N, C-alpha and C. Protein backbone atom coordinates (compact mmCIF):
# COMPACT_ATOMS: atom_id res chain seq x y z
N UNK A 1 139.65 -65.48 12.34
CA UNK A 1 139.96 -65.37 13.88
C UNK A 1 138.63 -65.14 14.73
N UNK A 2 137.93 -64.13 14.17
CA UNK A 2 136.62 -63.85 14.74
C UNK A 2 135.72 -64.91 14.93
N UNK A 3 135.71 -65.75 13.72
CA UNK A 3 134.76 -66.90 13.87
C UNK A 3 135.09 -67.85 14.83
N UNK A 4 136.59 -68.12 15.01
CA UNK A 4 136.93 -69.15 16.05
C UNK A 4 136.58 -68.56 17.46
N UNK A 5 136.88 -67.23 17.73
CA UNK A 5 136.30 -66.71 19.21
C UNK A 5 134.88 -66.86 19.28
N UNK A 6 134.14 -66.56 18.23
CA UNK A 6 132.61 -66.78 18.43
C UNK A 6 132.23 -68.19 18.74
N UNK A 7 132.82 -69.13 18.12
CA UNK A 7 132.52 -70.35 18.20
C UNK A 7 132.99 -71.07 19.66
N UNK A 8 134.12 -70.52 19.99
CA UNK A 8 134.60 -70.83 21.42
C UNK A 8 133.55 -70.35 22.54
N UNK A 9 133.05 -69.09 22.19
CA UNK A 9 132.14 -68.44 23.42
C UNK A 9 130.92 -69.34 23.34
N UNK A 10 130.45 -69.58 21.92
CA UNK A 10 129.08 -70.36 21.84
C UNK A 10 129.32 -71.68 22.41
N UNK A 11 130.40 -72.61 22.42
CA UNK A 11 130.53 -73.60 23.02
C UNK A 11 130.53 -73.51 24.63
N UNK A 12 131.23 -72.62 24.99
CA UNK A 12 131.34 -72.12 26.45
C UNK A 12 129.95 -71.95 27.07
N UNK A 13 129.13 -71.04 26.29
CA UNK A 13 127.79 -70.95 26.79
C UNK A 13 126.85 -72.15 26.85
N UNK A 14 127.00 -72.86 25.82
CA UNK A 14 126.25 -74.14 25.67
C UNK A 14 126.67 -75.21 26.65
N UNK A 15 127.78 -75.22 27.00
CA UNK A 15 128.44 -76.25 28.10
C UNK A 15 127.85 -75.77 29.51
N UNK A 16 127.98 -74.30 29.70
CA UNK A 16 127.37 -73.91 31.01
C UNK A 16 125.82 -74.27 31.07
N UNK A 17 125.27 -74.09 30.07
CA UNK A 17 123.73 -74.34 30.09
C UNK A 17 123.51 -75.82 30.28
N UNK A 18 124.39 -76.62 29.83
CA UNK A 18 124.18 -78.09 30.23
C UNK A 18 124.39 -78.42 31.66
N UNK A 19 125.57 -77.80 32.10
CA UNK A 19 125.79 -77.82 33.55
C UNK A 19 124.70 -77.50 34.63
N UNK A 20 124.16 -76.42 34.17
CA UNK A 20 123.05 -75.84 35.00
C UNK A 20 121.76 -76.40 34.61
N UNK A 21 121.52 -77.62 35.11
CA UNK A 21 120.23 -78.31 34.79
C UNK A 21 119.12 -77.51 35.47
N UNK A 22 117.89 -77.49 35.02
CA UNK A 22 116.82 -76.95 35.75
C UNK A 22 116.52 -77.85 36.88
N UNK A 23 115.95 -76.94 38.07
CA UNK A 23 115.60 -77.82 39.18
C UNK A 23 114.42 -78.51 39.02
N UNK A 24 114.50 -79.76 39.38
CA UNK A 24 113.48 -80.78 39.30
C UNK A 24 112.36 -80.65 40.36
N UNK A 25 111.17 -80.75 40.20
CA UNK A 25 110.12 -80.46 41.21
C UNK A 25 108.99 -79.84 40.60
N UNK A 26 107.80 -80.28 41.00
CA UNK A 26 106.54 -79.67 40.57
C UNK A 26 105.84 -78.65 41.51
N UNK A 27 106.61 -78.53 42.63
CA UNK A 27 106.05 -77.31 43.49
C UNK A 27 107.40 -76.47 44.03
N UNK A 28 107.21 -75.50 44.52
CA UNK A 28 108.32 -74.50 44.90
C UNK A 28 109.03 -75.36 46.08
N UNK A 29 108.31 -76.04 47.12
CA UNK A 29 108.96 -76.83 48.19
C UNK A 29 109.74 -77.76 47.38
N UNK A 30 109.50 -78.65 46.49
CA UNK A 30 110.38 -79.73 45.90
C UNK A 30 111.34 -79.08 45.26
N UNK A 31 111.24 -78.07 44.46
CA UNK A 31 112.42 -77.51 43.88
C UNK A 31 113.47 -76.87 44.75
N UNK A 32 113.00 -76.32 45.95
CA UNK A 32 113.90 -75.76 46.99
C UNK A 32 114.54 -76.95 47.65
N UNK A 33 113.94 -78.03 47.86
CA UNK A 33 114.54 -79.18 48.53
C UNK A 33 115.80 -79.85 47.63
N UNK A 34 115.35 -80.01 46.31
CA UNK A 34 116.13 -80.58 45.37
C UNK A 34 117.59 -79.54 45.25
N UNK A 35 117.43 -78.30 45.30
CA UNK A 35 118.38 -77.30 45.25
C UNK A 35 119.38 -77.39 46.46
N UNK A 36 118.79 -77.50 47.47
CA UNK A 36 119.43 -77.76 48.80
C UNK A 36 120.38 -79.10 48.80
N UNK A 37 119.74 -80.10 48.22
CA UNK A 37 120.42 -81.27 48.31
C UNK A 37 121.40 -81.47 47.17
N UNK A 38 121.43 -80.70 46.23
CA UNK A 38 122.31 -80.64 45.06
C UNK A 38 123.63 -79.80 45.73
N UNK A 39 123.25 -78.88 46.44
CA UNK A 39 124.46 -77.99 46.79
C UNK A 39 125.39 -78.54 47.83
N UNK A 40 126.62 -78.46 47.60
CA UNK A 40 127.43 -78.98 48.61
C UNK A 40 127.48 -78.42 50.03
N UNK A 41 127.01 -77.11 49.98
CA UNK A 41 126.95 -76.37 51.36
C UNK A 41 125.85 -76.79 52.12
N UNK A 42 124.84 -77.27 51.63
CA UNK A 42 123.69 -77.33 52.34
C UNK A 42 123.17 -78.84 52.34
N UNK A 43 123.66 -79.62 51.48
CA UNK A 43 123.20 -81.11 51.28
C UNK A 43 123.66 -82.10 52.51
N UNK A 44 122.57 -82.68 53.05
CA UNK A 44 122.85 -83.93 53.97
C UNK A 44 123.48 -85.05 53.28
N UNK A 45 123.43 -85.07 51.92
CA UNK A 45 124.08 -86.36 51.26
C UNK A 45 125.44 -86.68 51.45
N UNK A 46 125.83 -87.84 51.55
CA UNK A 46 127.07 -88.42 51.21
C UNK A 46 127.59 -87.60 50.03
N UNK A 47 128.94 -87.59 50.13
CA UNK A 47 129.43 -86.97 48.76
C UNK A 47 129.11 -87.82 47.34
N UNK A 48 129.42 -88.98 47.62
CA UNK A 48 129.03 -89.83 46.36
C UNK A 48 127.58 -89.83 45.87
N UNK A 49 126.63 -89.86 47.01
CA UNK A 49 125.42 -89.74 46.59
C UNK A 49 124.84 -88.27 46.07
N UNK A 50 125.63 -87.27 46.58
CA UNK A 50 125.27 -85.95 45.99
C UNK A 50 125.83 -85.75 44.64
N UNK A 51 126.92 -86.38 44.22
CA UNK A 51 127.50 -86.40 42.85
C UNK A 51 126.61 -86.92 41.82
N UNK A 52 125.84 -87.85 42.26
CA UNK A 52 124.88 -88.70 41.19
C UNK A 52 123.37 -88.21 41.41
N UNK A 53 123.22 -87.36 42.33
CA UNK A 53 121.93 -86.86 42.62
C UNK A 53 121.20 -86.03 41.46
N UNK A 54 119.88 -86.48 41.18
CA UNK A 54 119.13 -85.94 40.18
C UNK A 54 117.89 -85.28 40.77
N UNK A 55 117.56 -85.67 42.05
CA UNK A 55 116.41 -85.21 42.53
C UNK A 55 115.64 -86.22 43.41
N UNK A 56 114.89 -85.59 44.46
CA UNK A 56 114.14 -86.62 45.60
C UNK A 56 113.13 -87.17 44.96
N UNK A 57 112.39 -88.26 45.58
CA UNK A 57 111.31 -88.75 44.93
C UNK A 57 110.19 -88.08 45.83
N UNK A 58 109.08 -87.60 45.24
CA UNK A 58 108.02 -87.01 46.16
C UNK A 58 106.69 -87.78 45.61
N UNK A 59 105.81 -87.81 46.59
CA UNK A 59 104.37 -88.12 46.33
C UNK A 59 103.84 -87.03 45.57
N UNK A 60 102.79 -87.32 44.63
CA UNK A 60 102.12 -86.43 43.80
C UNK A 60 101.57 -85.44 44.72
N UNK A 61 101.56 -84.15 44.52
CA UNK A 61 101.01 -83.25 45.44
C UNK A 61 99.51 -83.49 45.54
N UNK A 62 98.84 -83.43 46.62
CA UNK A 62 97.60 -83.85 46.86
C UNK A 62 96.79 -82.81 47.96
N UNK A 63 95.99 -81.83 47.60
CA UNK A 63 95.44 -80.89 48.33
C UNK A 63 94.71 -81.57 49.50
N UNK A 64 94.28 -82.80 49.50
CA UNK A 64 93.71 -83.39 50.64
C UNK A 64 94.41 -83.38 51.85
N UNK A 65 95.80 -83.52 51.62
CA UNK A 65 96.84 -83.44 52.80
C UNK A 65 97.17 -82.04 53.29
N UNK A 66 96.53 -80.87 52.88
CA UNK A 66 96.63 -79.58 53.17
C UNK A 66 95.40 -79.47 54.27
N UNK A 67 95.69 -79.51 55.63
CA UNK A 67 94.53 -79.37 56.56
C UNK A 67 94.71 -78.07 57.28
N UNK A 68 93.56 -77.71 57.74
CA UNK A 68 93.30 -76.51 58.56
C UNK A 68 93.01 -77.21 59.95
N UNK A 69 93.98 -77.27 60.97
CA UNK A 69 93.87 -77.78 62.25
C UNK A 69 93.53 -76.84 63.36
N UNK A 70 92.94 -77.27 64.46
CA UNK A 70 92.76 -76.61 65.41
C UNK A 70 93.72 -76.88 66.56
N UNK A 71 94.55 -75.76 66.89
CA UNK A 71 95.44 -75.84 67.96
C UNK A 71 94.86 -75.54 69.40
N UNK A 72 95.19 -76.59 70.27
CA UNK A 72 94.86 -76.33 71.61
C UNK A 72 96.09 -76.27 72.38
N UNK A 73 96.40 -75.05 72.96
CA UNK A 73 97.65 -74.85 73.79
C UNK A 73 97.92 -75.91 74.97
N UNK A 74 98.95 -76.38 75.32
CA UNK A 74 99.31 -77.02 76.45
C UNK A 74 100.30 -76.29 77.41
N UNK A 75 99.77 -75.18 78.01
CA UNK A 75 100.89 -74.31 78.88
C UNK A 75 101.30 -75.06 80.06
N UNK A 76 100.56 -76.14 80.40
CA UNK A 76 101.05 -76.80 81.59
C UNK A 76 102.20 -77.96 81.33
N UNK A 77 102.30 -78.16 80.07
CA UNK A 77 103.25 -79.26 79.55
C UNK A 77 104.55 -78.81 79.99
N UNK A 78 105.38 -79.89 80.62
CA UNK A 78 106.69 -79.90 81.06
C UNK A 78 107.84 -80.05 80.07
N UNK A 79 109.01 -79.41 79.99
CA UNK A 79 109.92 -79.72 79.00
C UNK A 79 110.37 -81.09 79.31
N UNK A 80 110.88 -81.67 78.14
CA UNK A 80 111.42 -83.04 78.33
C UNK A 80 112.52 -83.27 77.36
N UNK A 81 113.37 -84.43 77.63
CA UNK A 81 114.40 -84.67 76.63
C UNK A 81 113.94 -85.41 75.45
N UNK A 82 114.15 -85.17 74.34
CA UNK A 82 113.48 -85.85 73.19
C UNK A 82 114.62 -86.89 72.73
N UNK A 83 114.42 -88.17 72.49
CA UNK A 83 115.26 -89.14 72.13
C UNK A 83 115.78 -88.75 70.74
N UNK A 84 116.91 -89.06 70.41
CA UNK A 84 117.53 -88.97 69.05
C UNK A 84 118.17 -90.24 68.58
N UNK A 85 118.65 -90.06 67.36
CA UNK A 85 119.30 -91.43 66.69
C UNK A 85 120.86 -91.51 67.48
N UNK A 86 121.32 -90.45 68.26
CA UNK A 86 122.52 -90.45 68.93
C UNK A 86 122.26 -90.29 70.39
N UNK A 87 123.30 -90.09 71.10
CA UNK A 87 123.21 -89.81 72.53
C UNK A 87 122.55 -88.46 72.90
N UNK A 88 122.48 -87.67 71.72
CA UNK A 88 122.07 -86.13 71.91
C UNK A 88 120.68 -86.24 72.51
N UNK A 89 120.26 -85.39 73.48
CA UNK A 89 118.96 -85.14 73.94
C UNK A 89 118.54 -83.89 73.92
N UNK A 90 118.28 -83.26 72.95
CA UNK A 90 117.53 -81.90 72.95
C UNK A 90 116.27 -81.77 73.73
N UNK A 91 116.07 -80.38 74.31
CA UNK A 91 114.95 -80.24 75.26
C UNK A 91 113.91 -79.64 74.31
N UNK A 92 112.72 -80.36 74.43
CA UNK A 92 111.46 -79.93 73.88
C UNK A 92 110.25 -79.83 74.85
N UNK A 93 109.30 -79.07 74.37
CA UNK A 93 108.01 -79.08 75.13
C UNK A 93 106.70 -79.14 74.19
N UNK A 94 105.82 -79.86 74.70
CA UNK A 94 104.62 -79.90 73.76
C UNK A 94 103.97 -78.70 73.86
N UNK A 95 104.07 -77.94 72.60
CA UNK A 95 103.36 -76.68 72.49
C UNK A 95 101.93 -76.75 72.61
N UNK A 96 101.23 -77.88 71.92
CA UNK A 96 99.92 -77.94 71.88
C UNK A 96 99.48 -79.27 71.24
N UNK A 97 98.24 -79.44 71.10
CA UNK A 97 97.67 -80.48 70.24
C UNK A 97 96.79 -79.90 69.31
N UNK A 98 97.27 -80.54 67.85
CA UNK A 98 96.40 -80.09 66.85
C UNK A 98 95.43 -81.28 66.37
N UNK A 99 94.21 -80.78 66.06
CA UNK A 99 93.26 -81.77 65.70
C UNK A 99 92.68 -81.33 64.30
N UNK A 100 92.51 -82.21 63.54
CA UNK A 100 92.23 -82.15 61.91
C UNK A 100 91.54 -83.15 61.56
N UNK A 101 90.85 -83.01 60.34
CA UNK A 101 90.10 -83.96 59.65
C UNK A 101 90.83 -84.51 58.42
N UNK A 102 90.82 -85.80 58.00
CA UNK A 102 91.30 -86.31 56.75
C UNK A 102 90.32 -87.32 56.37
N UNK A 103 89.84 -87.13 55.15
CA UNK A 103 88.73 -88.29 54.83
C UNK A 103 87.55 -88.35 55.73
N UNK A 104 87.25 -87.37 56.35
CA UNK A 104 86.00 -87.25 57.20
C UNK A 104 86.34 -88.20 58.52
N UNK A 105 87.67 -88.28 58.96
CA UNK A 105 87.98 -88.85 60.20
C UNK A 105 88.83 -87.88 61.02
N UNK A 106 88.59 -87.74 62.33
CA UNK A 106 89.33 -86.79 63.01
C UNK A 106 90.60 -87.31 63.71
N UNK A 107 91.68 -86.66 63.58
CA UNK A 107 93.07 -87.10 64.04
C UNK A 107 93.64 -86.05 65.04
N UNK A 108 94.48 -86.55 65.97
CA UNK A 108 95.21 -85.71 66.67
C UNK A 108 96.67 -85.87 66.70
N UNK A 109 97.26 -84.96 66.85
CA UNK A 109 98.97 -84.95 66.91
C UNK A 109 99.44 -84.05 67.79
N UNK A 110 100.47 -84.27 68.70
CA UNK A 110 101.25 -83.34 69.39
C UNK A 110 102.20 -82.41 68.55
N UNK A 111 102.10 -81.05 68.97
CA UNK A 111 103.25 -80.24 68.09
C UNK A 111 104.05 -79.64 69.01
N UNK A 112 105.32 -79.59 68.77
CA UNK A 112 106.25 -79.40 69.64
C UNK A 112 107.15 -77.93 69.60
N UNK A 113 107.86 -77.64 70.52
CA UNK A 113 108.60 -76.46 70.49
C UNK A 113 110.13 -76.86 70.71
N UNK A 114 111.05 -76.56 70.01
CA UNK A 114 112.58 -76.92 70.41
C UNK A 114 113.03 -75.78 71.30
N UNK A 115 113.23 -76.05 72.57
CA UNK A 115 113.44 -74.96 73.52
C UNK A 115 115.23 -74.32 73.00
N UNK A 116 115.73 -75.31 72.54
CA UNK A 116 117.22 -75.02 72.03
C UNK A 116 117.13 -73.96 70.98
N UNK A 117 116.05 -73.70 70.36
CA UNK A 117 116.03 -72.75 69.21
C UNK A 117 115.11 -71.57 69.36
N UNK A 118 114.71 -71.30 70.62
CA UNK A 118 114.03 -70.05 70.97
C UNK A 118 114.81 -68.83 70.81
N UNK A 119 116.12 -69.03 71.12
CA UNK A 119 116.94 -67.71 71.01
C UNK A 119 117.52 -67.48 69.71
N UNK A 120 117.25 -68.35 68.80
CA UNK A 120 117.87 -68.38 67.41
C UNK A 120 117.16 -67.49 66.67
N UNK A 121 117.57 -66.39 66.01
CA UNK A 121 116.78 -65.61 65.28
C UNK A 121 116.18 -66.32 64.11
N UNK A 122 114.70 -65.90 63.99
CA UNK A 122 114.01 -66.59 62.80
C UNK A 122 113.26 -67.86 63.36
N UNK A 123 113.69 -68.42 64.53
CA UNK A 123 112.89 -69.52 65.05
C UNK A 123 112.18 -69.41 66.40
N UNK A 124 111.81 -68.13 66.63
CA UNK A 124 111.06 -67.71 67.84
C UNK A 124 109.77 -68.14 67.83
N UNK A 125 109.29 -68.56 66.69
CA UNK A 125 107.78 -68.88 66.65
C UNK A 125 107.81 -70.31 65.88
N UNK A 126 108.77 -71.03 65.79
CA UNK A 126 108.94 -72.16 65.22
C UNK A 126 108.44 -73.36 65.84
N UNK A 127 107.53 -74.26 65.03
CA UNK A 127 107.02 -75.35 65.61
C UNK A 127 107.43 -76.80 64.86
N UNK A 128 107.42 -77.71 65.57
CA UNK A 128 107.94 -79.17 64.95
C UNK A 128 107.01 -80.00 65.14
N UNK A 129 106.55 -80.72 63.88
CA UNK A 129 105.65 -81.76 63.83
C UNK A 129 106.16 -83.09 63.42
N UNK A 130 106.73 -83.95 64.26
CA UNK A 130 107.15 -85.33 63.85
C UNK A 130 105.94 -86.16 63.67
N UNK A 131 106.08 -87.02 62.73
CA UNK A 131 104.88 -88.01 62.70
C UNK A 131 105.16 -89.46 62.02
N UNK A 132 104.54 -90.35 62.29
CA UNK A 132 104.56 -91.71 61.87
C UNK A 132 103.19 -92.04 60.94
N UNK A 133 103.43 -92.72 60.03
CA UNK A 133 102.05 -93.13 59.60
C UNK A 133 102.30 -94.53 58.60
N UNK A 134 101.32 -95.06 57.86
CA UNK A 134 101.28 -96.52 57.38
C UNK A 134 102.32 -96.57 56.09
N UNK A 135 102.78 -95.49 55.78
CA UNK A 135 103.76 -95.59 54.54
C UNK A 135 105.15 -95.82 55.12
N UNK A 136 105.45 -95.64 56.31
CA UNK A 136 106.70 -95.67 56.79
C UNK A 136 107.29 -97.33 56.67
N UNK A 137 108.55 -97.23 56.06
CA UNK A 137 109.15 -98.53 55.90
C UNK A 137 108.67 -99.30 54.53
N UNK A 138 107.90 -98.40 53.81
CA UNK A 138 107.45 -98.84 52.68
C UNK A 138 107.71 -97.70 51.55
N UNK A 139 106.84 -96.97 51.26
CA UNK A 139 107.04 -95.80 50.30
C UNK A 139 107.77 -94.64 50.91
N UNK A 140 107.66 -94.67 52.28
CA UNK A 140 108.49 -93.52 52.93
C UNK A 140 109.39 -94.08 54.06
N UNK A 141 110.13 -93.21 54.47
CA UNK A 141 111.28 -93.32 55.48
C UNK A 141 110.73 -94.12 56.74
N UNK A 142 111.33 -95.30 57.05
CA UNK A 142 110.90 -96.00 58.33
C UNK A 142 110.88 -95.44 59.61
N UNK A 143 111.59 -94.36 59.78
CA UNK A 143 111.49 -93.70 61.15
C UNK A 143 110.60 -92.61 61.18
N UNK A 144 109.87 -92.33 60.00
CA UNK A 144 108.84 -91.31 60.14
C UNK A 144 109.33 -90.03 59.51
N UNK A 145 108.42 -89.06 59.46
CA UNK A 145 108.94 -87.75 58.94
C UNK A 145 108.59 -86.47 59.52
N UNK A 146 108.94 -85.23 59.18
CA UNK A 146 108.72 -84.03 59.87
C UNK A 146 107.97 -83.11 58.95
N UNK A 147 107.37 -82.19 59.73
CA UNK A 147 106.52 -81.20 58.91
C UNK A 147 106.91 -79.84 59.85
N UNK A 148 107.11 -78.81 59.27
CA UNK A 148 107.37 -77.56 60.26
C UNK A 148 106.22 -76.61 60.31
N UNK A 149 106.03 -75.83 61.25
CA UNK A 149 104.93 -74.86 61.38
C UNK A 149 105.27 -73.80 62.11
N UNK A 150 104.57 -72.58 62.14
CA UNK A 150 104.84 -71.40 62.69
C UNK A 150 103.64 -71.24 63.66
N UNK A 151 104.00 -70.55 64.91
CA UNK A 151 102.90 -70.31 65.83
C UNK A 151 102.01 -69.29 65.31
N UNK A 152 100.66 -69.76 65.08
CA UNK A 152 99.57 -68.86 64.54
C UNK A 152 99.04 -67.65 65.39
N UNK A 153 98.52 -66.79 64.92
CA UNK A 153 97.85 -65.74 65.70
C UNK A 153 96.63 -65.99 66.44
N UNK A 154 95.95 -67.17 65.94
CA UNK A 154 94.74 -67.55 66.61
C UNK A 154 94.90 -69.06 66.96
N UNK A 155 93.81 -69.88 67.09
CA UNK A 155 93.92 -71.40 67.51
C UNK A 155 93.77 -72.13 66.16
N UNK A 156 94.06 -71.59 64.99
CA UNK A 156 93.91 -72.27 63.64
C UNK A 156 95.21 -72.37 63.09
N UNK A 157 95.68 -73.40 62.56
CA UNK A 157 96.89 -73.50 61.93
C UNK A 157 97.01 -74.51 60.75
N UNK A 158 97.59 -74.17 59.65
CA UNK A 158 97.40 -75.05 58.50
C UNK A 158 98.77 -75.77 58.56
N UNK A 159 98.37 -77.07 58.13
CA UNK A 159 99.53 -78.04 58.24
C UNK A 159 99.38 -78.76 56.83
N UNK A 160 100.55 -78.57 56.06
CA UNK A 160 100.64 -79.04 54.69
C UNK A 160 101.54 -80.44 54.60
N UNK A 161 101.08 -81.60 54.69
CA UNK A 161 101.80 -82.71 54.75
C UNK A 161 102.58 -82.99 53.35
N UNK A 162 102.26 -82.24 52.38
CA UNK A 162 102.85 -82.30 51.01
C UNK A 162 104.37 -81.59 51.17
N UNK A 163 104.66 -81.03 52.42
CA UNK A 163 105.91 -80.58 52.83
C UNK A 163 106.55 -81.48 53.94
N UNK A 164 106.16 -82.59 53.84
CA UNK A 164 106.80 -83.57 54.98
C UNK A 164 108.08 -83.91 54.36
N UNK A 165 109.06 -83.96 55.26
CA UNK A 165 110.40 -84.20 54.71
C UNK A 165 111.09 -85.39 55.65
N UNK A 166 112.01 -86.02 55.44
CA UNK A 166 112.78 -87.01 56.02
C UNK A 166 113.70 -86.32 56.87
N UNK A 167 114.12 -87.03 58.04
CA UNK A 167 115.24 -86.61 58.99
C UNK A 167 116.46 -86.80 58.20
N UNK A 168 117.50 -85.85 58.47
CA UNK A 168 118.73 -86.06 57.61
C UNK A 168 119.31 -87.28 57.97
N UNK A 169 119.29 -87.98 58.93
CA UNK A 169 119.88 -89.42 59.23
C UNK A 169 119.34 -90.53 58.30
N UNK A 170 118.25 -90.04 57.54
CA UNK A 170 117.59 -90.87 56.39
C UNK A 170 118.77 -90.94 55.26
N UNK A 171 119.68 -90.04 55.22
CA UNK A 171 120.46 -89.85 54.19
C UNK A 171 122.00 -90.05 54.58
N UNK A 172 122.26 -90.02 55.86
CA UNK A 172 123.65 -89.92 56.36
C UNK A 172 123.63 -90.15 57.79
N UNK A 173 124.26 -91.25 58.27
CA UNK A 173 124.13 -91.65 59.60
C UNK A 173 124.87 -90.65 60.60
N UNK A 174 125.70 -89.76 60.02
CA UNK A 174 126.43 -88.79 60.94
C UNK A 174 125.50 -87.78 61.51
N UNK A 175 124.26 -87.74 61.13
CA UNK A 175 123.37 -86.78 61.81
C UNK A 175 122.77 -87.37 62.89
N UNK A 176 122.27 -86.39 63.83
CA UNK A 176 121.59 -86.66 64.87
C UNK A 176 120.12 -86.32 64.88
N UNK A 177 119.28 -87.17 64.82
CA UNK A 177 117.75 -86.87 64.50
C UNK A 177 116.73 -87.19 65.60
N UNK A 178 115.89 -86.18 65.86
CA UNK A 178 114.86 -86.62 66.96
C UNK A 178 114.09 -87.88 66.53
N UNK A 179 113.91 -88.70 67.36
CA UNK A 179 112.99 -90.02 66.92
C UNK A 179 111.41 -89.54 67.18
N UNK A 180 110.69 -89.86 66.43
CA UNK A 180 109.36 -89.45 66.41
C UNK A 180 108.57 -90.10 67.60
N UNK A 181 108.12 -89.30 68.43
CA UNK A 181 107.26 -89.93 69.55
C UNK A 181 106.12 -90.99 69.06
N UNK A 182 106.06 -92.05 69.77
CA UNK A 182 104.93 -93.15 69.33
C UNK A 182 103.59 -92.39 69.17
N UNK A 183 103.44 -91.50 70.23
CA UNK A 183 101.80 -91.12 70.21
C UNK A 183 101.54 -90.15 68.88
N UNK A 184 102.68 -89.92 68.30
CA UNK A 184 102.35 -89.16 67.10
C UNK A 184 102.23 -90.10 65.83
N UNK A 185 101.46 -91.09 66.03
CA UNK A 185 101.42 -92.05 64.73
C UNK A 185 100.04 -91.76 64.40
N UNK A 186 99.73 -91.62 62.97
CA UNK A 186 98.62 -91.67 62.18
C UNK A 186 98.20 -93.11 61.64
N UNK A 187 97.04 -93.76 62.01
CA UNK A 187 96.73 -94.92 61.52
C UNK A 187 96.29 -94.90 60.13
N UNK A 188 96.84 -93.97 59.06
CA UNK A 188 96.58 -93.89 57.60
C UNK A 188 97.83 -93.69 56.99
N UNK A 189 97.76 -93.90 55.77
CA UNK A 189 98.89 -93.68 54.70
C UNK A 189 98.77 -92.21 54.42
N UNK A 190 99.93 -91.49 54.66
CA UNK A 190 99.97 -90.20 54.30
C UNK A 190 100.85 -90.10 53.08
N UNK A 191 100.02 -90.27 52.04
CA UNK A 191 100.87 -90.12 50.53
C UNK A 191 101.19 -88.99 50.12
N UNK A 192 101.90 -88.35 50.87
CA UNK A 192 102.15 -86.65 50.51
C UNK A 192 103.50 -86.51 51.08
N UNK A 193 104.38 -85.48 50.43
CA UNK A 193 105.71 -85.31 50.93
C UNK A 193 106.81 -86.22 50.25
N UNK A 194 107.92 -86.16 50.82
CA UNK A 194 109.13 -87.02 50.42
C UNK A 194 109.04 -88.41 50.76
N UNK A 195 109.17 -89.08 49.68
CA UNK A 195 109.27 -90.50 49.74
C UNK A 195 110.59 -91.12 50.26
N UNK A 196 110.72 -92.37 50.50
CA UNK A 196 112.07 -92.94 50.99
C UNK A 196 113.26 -92.69 49.91
N UNK A 197 114.50 -92.52 50.40
CA UNK A 197 115.45 -92.20 49.55
C UNK A 197 115.96 -93.44 49.01
N UNK A 198 116.06 -93.32 47.63
CA UNK A 198 116.70 -94.46 46.74
C UNK A 198 117.80 -94.07 46.03
N UNK A 199 118.78 -94.82 45.80
CA UNK A 199 120.05 -94.47 45.20
C UNK A 199 119.63 -94.56 43.77
N UNK A 200 120.04 -93.45 43.18
CA UNK A 200 119.73 -93.19 41.58
C UNK A 200 121.05 -93.64 40.70
């Protein structure tokens, strides 16, 4: 009898171990994203996609795409309604312009503040960097990708394009996603961050 109980416990432990697959991803960011996408309470995926989900596709981490940018504030910028994939028009303001170098060339992008998030705890210093690049529609989502930032203490801000992610509407049309402003186009291939979503 003791042997049978022991075997049952062993089978139960083994089956739990098989259910809990290790999180896929080579960086903490990748592992966290995959965990969120697998979790029904946080995943933007449709149910049928989530059930077969094994992990997002990422470009290989490349330190070239971790840039230290100079942030120039734009205090005179007026709030505007940012277009989205639905009729929703959230209010943003251009917080500043970031300037950085990639492969010895200088680029500029606008970085925004979501005015609707200012009162939300934990988002008081949140910055939003949507961008387009030459991978869009090929190896990355056609509508562009997003990077998040925080207001720095000085005029220097680190932007890690390896943490670029797709809008949720890339996975499920029920979401309302900000459309990347055309002026935030980078005329290069940013081969970093999340790739286009493919059905596994």
